[in-house]
Amino acid sequence: MRDVIIASANNHSAERIKTILQSGGIFVRSLLCSGNEVLAFTGVYPRALVVCGRLGDMTALTLANMLPQGCDVIHLLPSGESQAVFVSNMVEINMPLDRVEFLRTVKVMAATENEVLSRHKKSDETEEILDRAKRIIMNRHHVSEREAHKILQRRSMESGMKLLELARMIGDG
């Protein structure tokens, strides 16, 4: 299992998230309050999963882009907000949290280090498979590419299938 850390400028929020994760059997290695602390931490623990709330020194998007290869971010979005840019190493969950969905997402992402590493080293063929599946979802559900990717991720987690395996099935019909 990967190291799970919580990053939030609000210590009270970080403690609440930690309590939720621990109630689901997930060990939290550290609570950090800034993006710079996360970057320093991931220099020592380069395969960390960062559960990220609001930070004072940078956005979750900036953090996700600065993290070393192999690190992922679960961005906890305040109610009503949405991210405008897709980042391959970041999943967003809207507040208020659905406890079951949140725990499932963290468990899946924390337990799949090998899949995460391979995701960062995708071949052109892998990109094509994922793009084709997203196009099919976009056409069927009339959603954006970003929404199609979220649908693909959610179905992958719900079914327990790897993202690439599910994308292949969708692409093959």
N, C-alpha and C. Protein backbone atom coordinates (compact mmCIF):
# COMPACT_ATOMS: atom_id res chain seq x y z
N MET A 1 0.85 -1.18 0.00
CA MET A 1 0.00 0.00 0.00
C MET A 1 0.89 1.24 0.00
N ARG A 2 0.46 2.23 -0.76
CA ARG A 2 1.21 3.47 -0.86
C ARG A 2 1.02 4.31 0.40
N ASP A 3 1.96 5.23 0.62
CA ASP A 3 1.84 6.17 1.73
C ASP A 3 0.72 7.16 1.42
N VAL A 4 -0.21 7.33 2.36
CA VAL A 4 -1.30 8.28 2.21
C VAL A 4 -1.00 9.47 3.10
N ILE A 5 -1.06 10.67 2.51
CA ILE A 5 -0.88 11.89 3.30
C ILE A 5 -2.06 12.81 3.04
N ILE A 6 -2.31 13.67 4.00
CA ILE A 6 -3.38 14.65 3.87
C ILE A 6 -2.74 16.02 3.84
N ALA A 7 -3.13 16.83 2.88
CA ALA A 7 -2.61 18.19 2.74
C ALA A 7 -3.76 19.18 2.79
N SER A 8 -3.75 20.03 3.81
CA SER A 8 -4.81 21.03 3.95
C SER A 8 -4.31 22.16 4.84
N ALA A 9 -4.60 23.39 4.44
CA ALA A 9 -4.23 24.54 5.26
C ALA A 9 -5.07 24.60 6.53
N ASN A 10 -6.22 23.93 6.52
CA ASN A 10 -7.12 23.91 7.67
C ASN A 10 -6.88 22.64 8.48
N ASN A 11 -6.23 22.77 9.62
CA ASN A 11 -5.87 21.61 10.45
C ASN A 11 -7.11 20.83 10.91
N HIS A 12 -8.19 21.54 11.22
CA HIS A 12 -9.42 20.88 11.66
C HIS A 12 -9.97 19.98 10.54
N SER A 13 -9.99 20.48 9.31
CA SER A 13 -10.46 19.68 8.17
C SER A 13 -9.56 18.47 7.95
N ALA A 14 -8.25 18.67 8.07
CA ALA A 14 -7.30 17.57 7.89
C ALA A 14 -7.55 16.48 8.93
N GLU A 15 -7.80 16.86 10.15
CA GLU A 15 -8.08 15.88 11.21
C GLU A 15 -9.37 15.11 10.94
N ARG A 16 -10.40 15.81 10.43
CA ARG A 16 -11.66 15.13 10.11
C ARG A 16 -11.45 14.12 8.99
N ILE A 17 -10.68 14.50 7.97
CA ILE A 17 -10.41 13.58 6.86
C ILE A 17 -9.62 12.38 7.37
N LYS A 18 -8.65 12.63 8.24
CA LYS A 18 -7.85 11.55 8.81
C LYS A 18 -8.75 10.57 9.57
N THR A 19 -9.68 11.09 10.34
CA THR A 19 -10.61 10.25 11.10
C THR A 19 -11.44 9.37 10.16
N ILE A 20 -11.92 9.95 9.07
CA ILE A 20 -12.70 9.18 8.09
C ILE A 20 -11.85 8.05 7.51
N LEU A 21 -10.62 8.38 7.11
CA LEU A 21 -9.74 7.38 6.51
C LEU A 21 -9.40 6.27 7.50
N GLN A 22 -9.09 6.64 8.72
CA GLN A 22 -8.74 5.64 9.73
C GLN A 22 -9.94 4.77 10.06
N SER A 23 -11.14 5.33 10.03
CA SER A 23 -12.34 4.52 10.30
C SER A 23 -12.53 3.47 9.20
N GLY A 24 -11.97 3.74 8.03
CA GLY A 24 -12.03 2.78 6.92
C GLY A 24 -10.82 1.88 6.84
N GLY A 25 -9.96 1.93 7.85
CA GLY A 25 -8.79 1.05 7.89
C GLY A 25 -7.60 1.54 7.08
N ILE A 26 -7.57 2.82 6.76
CA ILE A 26 -6.47 3.38 5.97
C ILE A 26 -5.54 4.16 6.88
N PHE A 27 -4.27 3.79 6.86
CA PHE A 27 -3.26 4.46 7.67
C PHE A 27 -2.84 5.76 6.99
N VAL A 28 -2.85 6.86 7.74
CA VAL A 28 -2.41 8.15 7.23
C VAL A 28 -1.02 8.42 7.81
N ARG A 29 -0.04 8.53 6.92
CA ARG A 29 1.34 8.72 7.36
C ARG A 29 1.59 10.12 7.91
N SER A 30 0.98 11.13 7.30
CA SER A 30 1.30 12.49 7.73
C SER A 30 0.19 13.47 7.37
N LEU A 31 0.08 14.53 8.18
CA LEU A 31 -0.80 15.66 7.89
C LEU A 31 0.12 16.85 7.57
N LEU A 32 -0.05 17.43 6.40
CA LEU A 32 0.78 18.54 5.98
C LEU A 32 -0.11 19.74 5.66
N CYS A 33 0.42 20.95 5.83
CA CYS A 33 -0.44 22.12 5.66
C CYS A 33 -0.08 22.99 4.46
N SER A 34 0.91 22.60 3.66
CA SER A 34 1.25 23.40 2.48
C SER A 34 1.71 22.51 1.34
N GLY A 35 1.63 23.06 0.15
CA GLY A 35 2.11 22.34 -1.02
C GLY A 35 3.60 22.11 -0.96
N ASN A 36 4.33 23.07 -0.43
CA ASN A 36 5.78 22.91 -0.32
C ASN A 36 6.14 21.77 0.63
N GLU A 37 5.38 21.60 1.70
CA GLU A 37 5.62 20.47 2.60
C GLU A 37 5.35 19.15 1.88
N VAL A 38 4.31 19.12 1.04
CA VAL A 38 4.00 17.90 0.28
C VAL A 38 5.15 17.58 -0.67
N LEU A 39 5.66 18.59 -1.36
CA LEU A 39 6.77 18.37 -2.29
C LEU A 39 8.00 17.85 -1.56
N ALA A 40 8.28 18.38 -0.38
CA ALA A 40 9.42 17.88 0.41
C ALA A 40 9.18 16.44 0.84
N PHE A 41 7.95 16.13 1.28
CA PHE A 41 7.59 14.78 1.71
C PHE A 41 7.76 13.79 0.57
N THR A 42 7.27 14.17 -0.63
CA THR A 42 7.32 13.25 -1.76
C THR A 42 8.75 13.10 -2.30
N GLY A 43 9.64 13.96 -1.87
CA GLY A 43 11.05 13.75 -2.19
C GLY A 43 11.61 12.56 -1.44
N VAL A 44 11.05 12.28 -0.27
CA VAL A 44 11.47 11.15 0.57
C VAL A 44 10.60 9.93 0.30
N TYR A 45 9.30 10.15 0.12
CA TYR A 45 8.33 9.08 -0.14
C TYR A 45 7.72 9.33 -1.53
N PRO A 46 8.42 8.90 -2.59
CA PRO A 46 8.03 9.29 -3.95
C PRO A 46 6.80 8.60 -4.53
N ARG A 47 6.15 7.73 -3.82
CA ARG A 47 4.97 7.05 -4.35
C ARG A 47 3.72 7.40 -3.55
N ALA A 48 3.70 8.56 -2.96
CA ALA A 48 2.62 8.94 -2.05
C ALA A 48 1.31 9.23 -2.78
N LEU A 49 0.23 9.03 -2.05
CA LEU A 49 -1.10 9.42 -2.47
C LEU A 49 -1.49 10.60 -1.60
N VAL A 50 -1.75 11.75 -2.21
CA VAL A 50 -2.03 12.98 -1.48
C VAL A 50 -3.53 13.26 -1.52
N VAL A 51 -4.16 13.31 -0.36
CA VAL A 51 -5.55 13.74 -0.25
C VAL A 51 -5.47 15.23 0.05
N CYS A 52 -5.91 16.03 -0.91
CA CYS A 52 -5.63 17.46 -0.87
C CYS A 52 -6.88 18.31 -0.75
N GLY A 53 -6.90 19.13 0.29
CA GLY A 53 -7.92 20.15 0.44
C GLY A 53 -7.36 21.47 -0.06
N ARG A 54 -7.83 22.56 0.49
CA ARG A 54 -7.35 23.88 0.09
C ARG A 54 -5.99 24.14 0.75
N LEU A 55 -5.04 24.61 -0.06
CA LEU A 55 -3.71 24.94 0.44
C LEU A 55 -3.48 26.44 0.33
N GLY A 56 -2.62 26.97 1.20
CA GLY A 56 -2.37 28.40 1.19
C GLY A 56 -1.35 28.84 0.15
N ASP A 57 -0.45 27.94 -0.23
CA ASP A 57 0.66 28.35 -1.10
C ASP A 57 0.52 27.93 -2.56
N MET A 58 -0.40 27.03 -2.88
CA MET A 58 -0.59 26.63 -4.27
C MET A 58 -1.91 25.89 -4.40
N THR A 59 -2.37 25.78 -5.65
CA THR A 59 -3.60 25.04 -5.90
C THR A 59 -3.29 23.55 -5.99
N ALA A 60 -4.31 22.74 -5.88
CA ALA A 60 -4.14 21.29 -6.03
C ALA A 60 -3.65 20.96 -7.44
N LEU A 61 -4.11 21.71 -8.42
CA LEU A 61 -3.68 21.50 -9.81
C LEU A 61 -2.18 21.76 -9.96
N THR A 62 -1.70 22.85 -9.39
CA THR A 62 -0.27 23.16 -9.43
C THR A 62 0.51 22.06 -8.72
N LEU A 63 0.03 21.64 -7.57
CA LEU A 63 0.70 20.59 -6.82
C LEU A 63 0.77 19.30 -7.64
N ALA A 64 -0.34 18.90 -8.23
CA ALA A 64 -0.37 17.67 -9.03
C ALA A 64 0.65 17.72 -10.17
N ASN A 65 0.79 18.88 -10.78
CA ASN A 65 1.74 19.03 -11.87
C ASN A 65 3.19 19.03 -11.40
N MET A 66 3.44 19.38 -10.14
CA MET A 66 4.81 19.46 -9.62
C MET A 66 5.27 18.18 -8.94
N LEU A 67 4.34 17.29 -8.63
CA LEU A 67 4.69 16.06 -7.91
C LEU A 67 5.55 15.14 -8.77
N PRO A 68 6.42 14.37 -8.13
CA PRO A 68 7.23 13.42 -8.90
C PRO A 68 6.35 12.32 -9.50
N GLN A 69 6.87 11.70 -10.54
CA GLN A 69 6.17 10.61 -11.21
C GLN A 69 5.87 9.52 -10.18
N GLY A 70 4.64 9.00 -10.19
CA GLY A 70 4.25 7.96 -9.26
C GLY A 70 3.39 8.47 -8.12
N CYS A 71 3.29 9.79 -7.96
CA CYS A 71 2.43 10.38 -6.94
C CYS A 71 1.09 10.77 -7.56
N ASP A 72 0.03 10.60 -6.79
CA ASP A 72 -1.30 10.97 -7.24
C ASP A 72 -1.96 11.86 -6.21
N VAL A 73 -2.98 12.60 -6.67
CA VAL A 73 -3.71 13.53 -5.82
C VAL A 73 -5.20 13.21 -5.88
N ILE A 74 -5.82 13.15 -4.72
CA ILE A 74 -7.28 13.15 -4.64
C ILE A 74 -7.64 14.55 -4.16
N HIS A 75 -8.21 15.34 -5.05
CA HIS A 75 -8.52 16.73 -4.74
C HIS A 75 -9.95 16.82 -4.21
N LEU A 76 -10.08 17.32 -3.00
CA LEU A 76 -11.40 17.50 -2.40
C LEU A 76 -11.89 18.89 -2.76
N LEU A 77 -12.83 18.95 -3.69
CA LEU A 77 -13.34 20.22 -4.19
C LEU A 77 -14.46 20.74 -3.31
N PRO A 78 -14.39 22.01 -2.93
CA PRO A 78 -15.51 22.59 -2.18
C PRO A 78 -16.80 22.51 -3.00
N SER A 79 -17.91 22.44 -2.32
CA SER A 79 -19.21 22.33 -2.97
C SER A 79 -19.39 23.44 -4.00
N GLY A 80 -19.83 23.06 -5.19
CA GLY A 80 -20.10 24.02 -6.24
C GLY A 80 -18.91 24.36 -7.12
N GLU A 81 -17.70 23.98 -6.75
CA GLU A 81 -16.53 24.27 -7.57
C GLU A 81 -16.26 23.10 -8.51
N SER A 82 -15.61 23.42 -9.64
CA SER A 82 -15.17 22.37 -10.54
C SER A 82 -13.85 22.79 -11.15
N GLN A 83 -13.03 21.81 -11.44
CA GLN A 83 -11.72 22.06 -12.03
C GLN A 83 -11.89 22.13 -13.54
N ALA A 84 -11.20 23.05 -14.19
CA ALA A 84 -11.36 23.24 -15.62
C ALA A 84 -10.37 22.44 -16.46
N VAL A 85 -9.37 21.85 -15.82
CA VAL A 85 -8.30 21.20 -16.56
C VAL A 85 -8.17 19.75 -16.10
N PHE A 86 -7.97 18.84 -17.06
CA PHE A 86 -7.76 17.43 -16.74
C PHE A 86 -6.27 17.20 -16.48
N VAL A 87 -5.96 16.51 -15.39
CA VAL A 87 -4.59 16.13 -15.06
C VAL A 87 -4.61 14.63 -14.78
N SER A 88 -3.70 13.90 -15.41
CA SER A 88 -3.74 12.44 -15.34
C SER A 88 -3.50 11.88 -13.94
N ASN A 89 -2.82 12.63 -13.07
CA ASN A 89 -2.53 12.10 -11.74
C ASN A 89 -3.41 12.72 -10.66
N MET A 90 -4.59 13.23 -11.06
CA MET A 90 -5.48 13.85 -10.08
C MET A 90 -6.92 13.41 -10.31
N VAL A 91 -7.56 13.00 -9.23
CA VAL A 91 -8.98 12.66 -9.23
C VAL A 91 -9.66 13.66 -8.31
N GLU A 92 -10.83 14.11 -8.71
CA GLU A 92 -11.56 15.08 -7.90
C GLU A 92 -12.78 14.45 -7.26
N ILE A 93 -13.01 14.84 -6.01
CA ILE A 93 -14.22 14.41 -5.30
C ILE A 93 -14.85 15.67 -4.72
N ASN A 94 -16.12 15.87 -5.02
CA ASN A 94 -16.81 17.05 -4.53
C ASN A 94 -17.25 16.88 -3.08
N MET A 95 -17.20 17.97 -2.37
CA MET A 95 -17.68 18.02 -1.00
C MET A 95 -19.17 18.34 -1.06
N PRO A 96 -19.99 17.98 -0.13
CA PRO A 96 -19.62 17.15 1.01
C PRO A 96 -19.29 15.73 0.56
N LEU A 97 -18.43 15.10 1.32
CA LEU A 97 -17.95 13.77 0.96
C LEU A 97 -19.03 12.71 1.09
N ASP A 98 -19.09 11.83 0.10
CA ASP A 98 -19.82 10.59 0.22
C ASP A 98 -18.79 9.63 0.83
N ARG A 99 -18.95 9.32 2.09
CA ARG A 99 -17.95 8.54 2.83
C ARG A 99 -17.55 7.24 2.13
N VAL A 100 -18.54 6.51 1.64
CA VAL A 100 -18.27 5.22 1.01
C VAL A 100 -17.47 5.42 -0.27
N GLU A 101 -17.89 6.36 -1.11
CA GLU A 101 -17.17 6.63 -2.37
C GLU A 101 -15.75 7.11 -2.08
N PHE A 102 -15.61 7.98 -1.10
CA PHE A 102 -14.29 8.51 -0.74
C PHE A 102 -13.35 7.40 -0.28
N LEU A 103 -13.81 6.55 0.64
CA LEU A 103 -12.97 5.45 1.13
C LEU A 103 -12.62 4.49 0.01
N ARG A 104 -13.58 4.18 -0.85
CA ARG A 104 -13.32 3.27 -1.97
C ARG A 104 -12.26 3.87 -2.91
N THR A 105 -12.39 5.14 -3.21
CA THR A 105 -11.43 5.80 -4.09
C THR A 105 -10.03 5.77 -3.50
N VAL A 106 -9.91 6.11 -2.23
CA VAL A 106 -8.59 6.11 -1.58
C VAL A 106 -8.01 4.70 -1.55
N LYS A 107 -8.83 3.72 -1.21
CA LYS A 107 -8.32 2.34 -1.15
C LYS A 107 -7.83 1.87 -2.51
N VAL A 108 -8.61 2.13 -3.55
CA VAL A 108 -8.22 1.70 -4.89
C VAL A 108 -6.93 2.39 -5.31
N MET A 109 -6.86 3.69 -5.10
CA MET A 109 -5.67 4.42 -5.54
C MET A 109 -4.44 4.09 -4.70
N ALA A 110 -4.63 3.82 -3.42
CA ALA A 110 -3.50 3.49 -2.55
C ALA A 110 -2.98 2.08 -2.81
N ALA A 111 -3.83 1.21 -3.30
CA ALA A 111 -3.45 -0.19 -3.48
C ALA A 111 -2.93 -0.50 -4.88
N THR A 112 -2.88 0.48 -5.76
CA THR A 112 -2.54 0.19 -7.15
C THR A 112 -1.26 0.88 -7.59
N GLU A 113 -0.24 0.79 -6.82
CA GLU A 113 1.02 1.45 -7.16
C GLU A 113 1.53 1.03 -8.54
N ASN A 114 1.50 -0.24 -8.86
CA ASN A 114 2.01 -0.70 -10.15
C ASN A 114 1.20 -0.11 -11.31
N GLU A 115 -0.12 -0.03 -11.14
CA GLU A 115 -0.96 0.56 -12.18
C GLU A 115 -0.64 2.04 -12.34
N VAL A 116 -0.41 2.72 -11.22
CA VAL A 116 -0.08 4.14 -11.28
C VAL A 116 1.23 4.35 -12.01
N LEU A 117 2.24 3.54 -11.68
CA LEU A 117 3.53 3.68 -12.35
C LEU A 117 3.40 3.42 -13.84
N SER A 118 2.64 2.41 -14.22
CA SER A 118 2.49 2.11 -15.64
C SER A 118 1.68 3.19 -16.33
N ARG A 119 0.75 3.82 -15.63
CA ARG A 119 -0.05 4.87 -16.22
C ARG A 119 0.83 6.04 -16.65
N HIS A 120 1.88 6.29 -15.88
CA HIS A 120 2.78 7.39 -16.21
C HIS A 120 3.70 7.05 -17.38
N LYS A 121 3.75 5.79 -17.75
CA LYS A 121 4.62 5.35 -18.84
C LYS A 121 3.80 4.79 -19.98
N LYS A 122 2.64 5.37 -20.22
CA LYS A 122 1.74 4.85 -21.25
C LYS A 122 2.41 4.89 -22.62
N SER A 123 2.16 3.88 -23.35
CA SER A 123 2.62 3.86 -24.74
C SER A 123 1.57 4.57 -25.60
N ASP A 124 1.92 4.81 -26.85
CA ASP A 124 0.95 5.42 -27.77
C ASP A 124 -0.29 4.54 -27.91
N GLU A 125 -0.09 3.23 -27.90
CA GLU A 125 -1.21 2.30 -28.03
C GLU A 125 -2.17 2.44 -26.85
N THR A 126 -1.62 2.56 -25.66
CA THR A 126 -2.45 2.73 -24.46
C THR A 126 -3.25 4.02 -24.55
N GLU A 127 -2.60 5.10 -24.97
CA GLU A 127 -3.29 6.39 -25.14
C GLU A 127 -4.44 6.25 -26.13
N GLU A 128 -4.19 5.54 -27.22
CA GLU A 128 -5.23 5.35 -28.24
C GLU A 128 -6.42 4.58 -27.68
N ILE A 129 -6.16 3.55 -26.89
CA ILE A 129 -7.23 2.74 -26.29
C ILE A 129 -8.07 3.61 -25.36
N LEU A 130 -7.41 4.39 -24.51
CA LEU A 130 -8.13 5.26 -23.58
C LEU A 130 -8.90 6.35 -24.33
N ASP A 131 -8.27 6.95 -25.33
CA ASP A 131 -8.94 8.00 -26.10
C ASP A 131 -10.18 7.46 -26.82
N ARG A 132 -10.06 6.26 -27.37
CA ARG A 132 -11.21 5.66 -28.07
C ARG A 132 -12.36 5.41 -27.11
N ALA A 133 -12.05 4.86 -25.93
CA ALA A 133 -13.10 4.60 -24.93
C ALA A 133 -13.75 5.91 -24.49
N LYS A 134 -12.95 6.95 -24.29
CA LYS A 134 -13.51 8.24 -23.89
C LYS A 134 -14.41 8.81 -24.99
N ARG A 135 -13.99 8.68 -26.26
CA ARG A 135 -14.82 9.18 -27.36
C ARG A 135 -16.16 8.45 -27.39
N ILE A 136 -16.14 7.15 -27.18
CA ILE A 136 -17.38 6.37 -27.17
C ILE A 136 -18.29 6.85 -26.03
N ILE A 137 -17.71 7.04 -24.84
CA ILE A 137 -18.50 7.53 -23.70
C ILE A 137 -19.03 8.93 -23.98
N MET A 138 -18.19 9.78 -24.58
CA MET A 138 -18.62 11.15 -24.91
C MET A 138 -19.82 11.13 -25.85
N ASN A 139 -19.78 10.26 -26.86
CA ASN A 139 -20.88 10.17 -27.83
C ASN A 139 -22.14 9.58 -27.21
N ARG A 140 -21.98 8.56 -26.38
CA ARG A 140 -23.15 7.90 -25.77
C ARG A 140 -23.85 8.79 -24.75
N HIS A 141 -23.04 9.52 -23.96
CA HIS A 141 -23.61 10.27 -22.83
C HIS A 141 -23.62 11.78 -23.05
N HIS A 142 -23.11 12.22 -24.20
CA HIS A 142 -23.08 13.65 -24.53
C HIS A 142 -22.39 14.46 -23.42
N VAL A 143 -21.16 14.05 -23.10
CA VAL A 143 -20.38 14.71 -22.05
C VAL A 143 -19.03 15.14 -22.63
N SER A 144 -18.32 15.97 -21.86
CA SER A 144 -16.98 16.42 -22.26
C SER A 144 -15.98 15.29 -22.08
N GLU A 145 -14.77 15.50 -22.61
CA GLU A 145 -13.72 14.49 -22.44
C GLU A 145 -13.41 14.29 -20.97
N ARG A 146 -13.37 15.38 -20.23
CA ARG A 146 -13.08 15.30 -18.80
C ARG A 146 -14.13 14.45 -18.07
N GLU A 147 -15.40 14.70 -18.38
CA GLU A 147 -16.48 13.93 -17.76
C GLU A 147 -16.41 12.46 -18.20
N ALA A 148 -16.07 12.23 -19.45
CA ALA A 148 -15.93 10.85 -19.94
C ALA A 148 -14.83 10.13 -19.17
N HIS A 149 -13.73 10.83 -18.90
CA HIS A 149 -12.65 10.21 -18.14
C HIS A 149 -13.10 9.89 -16.71
N LYS A 150 -13.85 10.80 -16.10
CA LYS A 150 -14.38 10.55 -14.75
C LYS A 150 -15.30 9.33 -14.75
N ILE A 151 -16.15 9.22 -15.77
CA ILE A 151 -17.05 8.08 -15.88
C ILE A 151 -16.24 6.79 -15.99
N LEU A 152 -15.22 6.83 -16.83
CA LEU A 152 -14.35 5.66 -17.01
C LEU A 152 -13.67 5.29 -15.70
N GLN A 153 -13.15 6.29 -14.97
CA GLN A 153 -12.51 6.02 -13.67
C GLN A 153 -13.50 5.42 -12.68
N ARG A 154 -14.69 6.01 -12.60
CA ARG A 154 -15.70 5.54 -11.65
C ARG A 154 -16.10 4.10 -11.95
N ARG A 155 -16.34 3.80 -13.23
CA ARG A 155 -16.72 2.43 -13.61
C ARG A 155 -15.59 1.45 -13.32
N SER A 156 -14.37 1.89 -13.51
CA SER A 156 -13.21 1.05 -13.21
C SER A 156 -13.18 0.71 -11.72
N MET A 157 -13.37 1.73 -10.88
CA MET A 157 -13.35 1.49 -9.43
C MET A 157 -14.52 0.62 -8.98
N GLU A 158 -15.70 0.91 -9.54
CA GLU A 158 -16.89 0.14 -9.15
C GLU A 158 -16.79 -1.32 -9.54
N SER A 159 -16.19 -1.58 -10.70
CA SER A 159 -16.11 -2.95 -11.19
C SER A 159 -14.87 -3.69 -10.69
N GLY A 160 -13.89 -2.93 -10.17
CA GLY A 160 -12.63 -3.54 -9.74
C GLY A 160 -11.71 -3.88 -10.90
N MET A 161 -12.06 -3.40 -12.08
CA MET A 161 -11.24 -3.64 -13.27
C MET A 161 -10.21 -2.53 -13.42
N LYS A 162 -9.08 -2.87 -14.01
CA LYS A 162 -8.09 -1.85 -14.32
C LYS A 162 -8.67 -0.94 -15.40
N LEU A 163 -8.26 0.32 -15.33
CA LEU A 163 -8.76 1.33 -16.25
C LEU A 163 -8.52 0.93 -17.71
N LEU A 164 -7.34 0.47 -18.01
CA LEU A 164 -7.00 0.09 -19.38
C LEU A 164 -7.83 -1.11 -19.86
N GLU A 165 -8.03 -2.08 -18.98
CA GLU A 165 -8.83 -3.26 -19.32
C GLU A 165 -10.27 -2.86 -19.64
N LEU A 166 -10.83 -1.97 -18.82
CA LEU A 166 -12.20 -1.49 -19.05
C LEU A 166 -12.26 -0.70 -20.36
N ALA A 167 -11.27 0.14 -20.62
CA ALA A 167 -11.24 0.92 -21.85
C ALA A 167 -11.19 0.00 -23.07
N ARG A 168 -10.42 -1.06 -22.99
CA ARG A 168 -10.35 -2.03 -24.10
C ARG A 168 -11.73 -2.65 -24.35
N MET A 169 -12.42 -3.03 -23.27
CA MET A 169 -13.75 -3.63 -23.42
C MET A 169 -14.72 -2.66 -24.08
N ILE A 170 -14.68 -1.40 -23.65
CA ILE A 170 -15.57 -0.39 -24.23
C ILE A 170 -15.24 -0.18 -25.69
N GLY A 171 -13.95 -0.11 -26.01
CA GLY A 171 -13.52 0.10 -27.39
C GLY A 171 -13.84 -1.06 -28.31
N ASP A 172 -13.84 -2.26 -27.75
CA ASP A 172 -14.14 -3.46 -28.56
C ASP A 172 -15.63 -3.68 -28.72
N GLY A 173 -16.43 -2.90 -27.98
CA GLY A 173 -17.87 -3.03 -28.11
C GLY A 173 -18.38 -4.01 -27.16
